[in-house]
Protein backbone atom coordinates (compact mmCIF):
# COMPACT_ATOMS: atom_id res chain seq x y z
CA MET A 1 15.95 2.32 5.84
CA HIS A 2 14.34 -0.15 8.21
CA ALA A 3 15.48 1.99 11.15
CA ALA A 4 13.65 5.01 9.72
CA VAL A 5 10.49 3.01 9.09
CA ARG A 6 10.61 1.66 12.70
CA LEU A 7 11.11 5.15 14.08
CA ILE A 8 8.14 6.44 12.06
CA ALA A 9 5.95 3.47 13.11
CA GLU A 10 6.75 4.28 16.74
CA GLY A 11 6.74 8.04 16.75
CA GLY A 12 5.43 9.42 13.44
CA PRO A 13 7.27 11.03 10.53
CA GLY A 14 8.95 13.63 12.77
CA ALA A 15 10.77 10.88 14.68
CA ALA A 16 12.89 9.91 11.65
CA THR A 17 15.49 12.61 11.73
CA ALA A 18 18.95 12.00 10.31
CA SER A 19 20.47 11.97 13.78
CA ALA A 20 17.77 9.59 15.10
CA VAL A 21 18.35 7.20 12.19
CA ALA A 22 22.13 7.38 12.76
CA ARG A 23 21.64 6.56 16.46
CA ALA A 24 19.27 3.70 15.69
CA THR A 25 21.68 2.15 13.18
CA GLY A 26 24.91 2.97 14.93
CA ALA A 27 26.16 4.72 11.81
CA PRO A 28 27.83 8.13 11.83
CA SER A 29 25.29 10.83 11.12
CA GLY A 30 27.52 12.09 8.33
CA SER A 31 26.82 8.89 6.40
CA VAL A 32 23.05 9.46 6.69
CA TYR A 33 23.46 13.03 5.49
CA HIS A 34 25.63 11.80 2.59
CA ARG A 35 23.01 9.33 1.43
CA PHE A 36 20.07 11.69 1.90
CA PRO A 37 20.91 15.29 1.02
CA SER A 38 17.78 16.61 2.78
CA SER A 39 15.48 15.50 5.60
CA GLY A 40 12.72 15.51 2.99
CA ASP A 41 14.55 12.88 0.98
CA LEU A 42 15.15 10.73 4.07
CA LEU A 43 11.43 10.80 4.94
CA ALA A 44 10.43 10.19 1.34
CA ALA A 45 12.76 7.18 1.06
CA ALA A 46 11.30 5.73 4.25
CA TRP A 47 7.79 5.89 2.61
CA LEU A 48 8.68 5.06 -1.00
CA ARG A 49 10.55 1.84 -0.25
CA PRO A 50 7.61 0.03 1.49
CA LEU A 51 5.12 1.61 -0.95
CA ARG A 52 7.07 0.23 -3.89
CA ARG A 53 7.42 -3.22 -2.29
CA PHE A 54 3.70 -3.35 -1.47
CA GLN A 55 2.65 -2.22 -4.93
CA ASP A 56 5.01 -4.69 -6.64
CA GLU A 57 3.29 -7.59 -4.82
CA PHE A 58 -0.26 -6.27 -4.87
CA LEU A 59 -0.25 -5.40 -8.54
CA ALA A 60 1.26 -8.75 -9.49
CA VAL A 61 -1.50 -10.55 -7.64
CA LEU A 62 -4.20 -8.29 -9.05
CA ALA A 63 -3.02 -8.99 -12.60
CA GLY A 64 -2.15 -12.65 -11.91
CA GLU A 65 -5.57 -14.20 -12.54
CA ALA A 66 -7.60 -14.17 -15.76
CA ASP A 67 -10.83 -14.29 -13.70
CA PRO A 68 -11.37 -10.79 -12.23
CA ILE A 69 -13.23 -12.20 -9.18
CA ALA A 70 -10.41 -14.61 -8.38
CA ALA A 71 -7.90 -11.79 -8.89
CA GLY A 72 -9.84 -9.50 -6.52
CA VAL A 73 -10.11 -12.15 -3.82
CA ALA A 74 -6.39 -12.90 -4.11
CA ALA A 75 -5.55 -9.22 -4.04
CA ALA A 76 -7.68 -8.57 -0.95
CA ARG A 77 -6.02 -11.47 0.80
CA GLN A 78 -2.61 -10.22 -0.28
CA VAL A 79 -3.15 -6.74 1.22
CA VAL A 80 -3.74 -8.19 4.67
CA GLN A 81 -1.12 -10.97 4.39
CA TRP A 82 1.56 -8.47 3.27
CA SER A 83 0.64 -6.30 6.22
CA ALA A 84 0.93 -9.25 8.62
CA ASP A 85 4.29 -10.11 7.11
CA HIS A 86 5.61 -6.49 7.22
CA PRO A 87 4.01 -4.86 10.27
CA ASP A 88 6.22 -1.75 10.47
CA ASP A 89 5.87 -1.05 6.73
CA ALA A 90 2.12 -1.71 6.98
CA ALA A 91 1.81 0.68 9.94
CA LEU A 92 3.64 3.39 8.02
CA LEU A 93 1.52 2.96 4.85
CA ALA A 94 -1.83 2.57 6.67
CA ARG A 95 -1.39 5.50 9.03
CA TYR A 96 0.21 8.11 6.81
CA GLY A 97 -0.09 9.37 3.28
CA ARG A 98 1.96 10.92 0.56
CA SER A 99 1.72 14.44 1.97
CA ASP A 100 3.38 13.27 5.19
CA PHE A 101 6.52 12.22 3.30
CA ILE A 102 6.76 13.98 -0.07
CA ARG A 103 7.39 17.58 0.95
CA SER A 104 8.49 20.79 -0.66
CA ASP A 105 12.12 20.06 0.28
CA SER A 106 11.99 16.63 -1.35
CA SER A 107 14.19 16.41 -4.47
CA ALA A 108 12.69 16.43 -7.94
CA SER A 109 13.70 12.77 -8.39
CA VAL A 110 11.83 11.77 -5.26
CA ARG A 111 8.70 13.61 -6.34
CA ALA A 112 8.97 12.00 -9.78
CA GLU A 113 9.25 8.56 -8.21
CA ALA A 114 6.21 9.18 -6.02
CA ASP A 115 4.25 10.40 -9.08
CA ALA A 116 5.27 7.29 -11.04
CA LEU A 117 4.13 5.00 -8.22
CA ASP A 118 0.79 6.84 -7.97
CA ASP A 119 0.28 6.63 -11.73
CA ARG A 120 1.18 2.91 -11.82
CA LEU A 121 -1.34 2.10 -9.08
CA ASN A 122 -4.10 4.26 -10.57
CA ARG A 123 -3.66 2.73 -14.05
CA ALA A 124 -3.66 -0.83 -12.68
CA LEU A 125 -6.77 -0.22 -10.57
CA ALA A 126 -8.54 1.48 -13.54
CA ASP A 127 -7.69 -1.51 -15.76
CA TYR A 128 -8.95 -3.93 -13.18
CA LEU A 129 -12.16 -2.01 -12.50
CA ALA A 130 -12.84 -1.78 -16.24
CA GLY A 131 -13.66 -5.50 -16.11
CA PHE A 132 -16.75 -4.73 -14.05
CA ARG A 133 -19.96 -2.81 -14.74
CA ALA A 134 -19.76 0.88 -13.85
CA ALA A 135 -22.52 0.44 -11.31
CA ASP A 136 -20.45 -2.23 -9.50
CA ARG A 137 -17.10 -0.46 -9.33
CA ASP A 138 -17.51 1.18 -5.93
CA ARG A 139 -18.38 -2.23 -4.47
CA VAL A 140 -15.40 -3.82 -6.23
CA ARG A 141 -13.04 -1.12 -4.92
CA LEU A 142 -14.44 -1.73 -1.40
CA ALA A 143 -13.73 -5.46 -1.82
CA VAL A 144 -10.21 -5.13 -3.12
CA VAL A 145 -8.82 -1.93 -1.57
CA ASP A 146 -10.89 -0.19 1.02
CA GLY A 147 -12.12 -3.22 3.02
CA PRO A 148 -8.71 -4.91 3.29
CA LEU A 149 -7.12 -1.62 4.30
CA ALA A 150 -9.73 -1.13 7.05
CA LEU A 151 -8.91 -4.63 8.36
CA VAL A 152 -5.22 -3.81 8.32
CA ARG A 153 -5.80 -0.57 10.26
CA ARG A 154 -7.98 -2.39 12.80
CA GLY A 155 -5.36 -5.06 13.26
CA LEU A 156 -2.49 -2.63 13.78
CA GLY A 157 -3.61 -1.89 17.33
CA ALA A 158 -3.27 -5.55 18.17
CA GLY A 159 0.22 -5.97 16.65
CA GLY A 160 -0.91 -6.59 13.10
CA PRO A 161 -3.43 -8.69 11.24
CA ASP A 162 -3.51 -12.42 11.94
CA ALA A 163 -4.39 -15.43 9.78
CA ALA A 164 -8.11 -15.13 10.61
CA THR A 165 -8.04 -11.53 9.38
CA VAL A 166 -6.41 -12.63 6.13
CA ASP A 167 -9.17 -15.19 5.64
CA LEU A 168 -11.81 -12.58 6.53
CA ALA A 169 -10.49 -10.21 3.86
CA ALA A 170 -10.71 -12.96 1.28
CA GLU A 171 -14.22 -13.99 2.28
CA ALA A 172 -15.50 -10.41 2.36
CA ALA A 173 -13.98 -9.83 -1.08
CA ARG A 174 -15.53 -13.05 -2.42
CA ARG A 175 -19.00 -11.94 -1.23
CA LEU A 176 -18.62 -8.36 -2.42
CA LEU A 177 -17.37 -9.47 -5.81
CA ALA A 178 -20.15 -11.99 -6.45
CA PRO A 179 -21.88 -11.09 -9.68
CA SER A 180 -24.92 -8.87 -9.17
CA GLY A 181 -26.09 -8.68 -12.77
CA PRO A 182 -25.08 -9.77 -16.22
CA PRO A 183 -21.36 -9.98 -16.93
CA VAL A 184 -19.74 -6.91 -18.46
CA GLU A 185 -19.30 -8.82 -21.78
CA MET A 186 -23.11 -9.23 -22.03
CA ILE A 187 -23.69 -5.55 -21.34
CA ASP A 188 -21.10 -4.51 -23.94
CA SER A 189 -22.75 -6.69 -26.61
CA ILE A 190 -26.23 -5.18 -26.03
């Protein structure tokens, strides 16, 4: 699957054909067709694998701290660090979206897996955001998701984010997550 991800990172989703993957791996094209019954499933697998790996790590970090601010800072840092550690996967996830890989010729099981990953991420983010006042949630999402992703995208042109960018993501998140009013527990008790 790494060959397909590399082909996509270099030439876009259309570059990861079964024959191109077979050439890149030195495997017979028949073995690629055997493993992936359609080109849609090959593309989907190239996207789902890094997406699953990223989500596994990101969601563990997001849920790993009792303090939501510490969790958010750690999660922002993790987005950029994961991208530095996995530049091809990061390029694929940052440049393309679900509609580029989950197509009408993707199998039902592939579409179900994509739906399950979407649901898992949406539930986890909703649970995390619930720890903040409604008025602060856009700022929190910027700190934990949108800002780090923008730093990743900016760093991709230079070969990927570096250690300074990882630190910048954490510092930006820390500043954006600083309390701007009474804690949510105080609001709920009023």
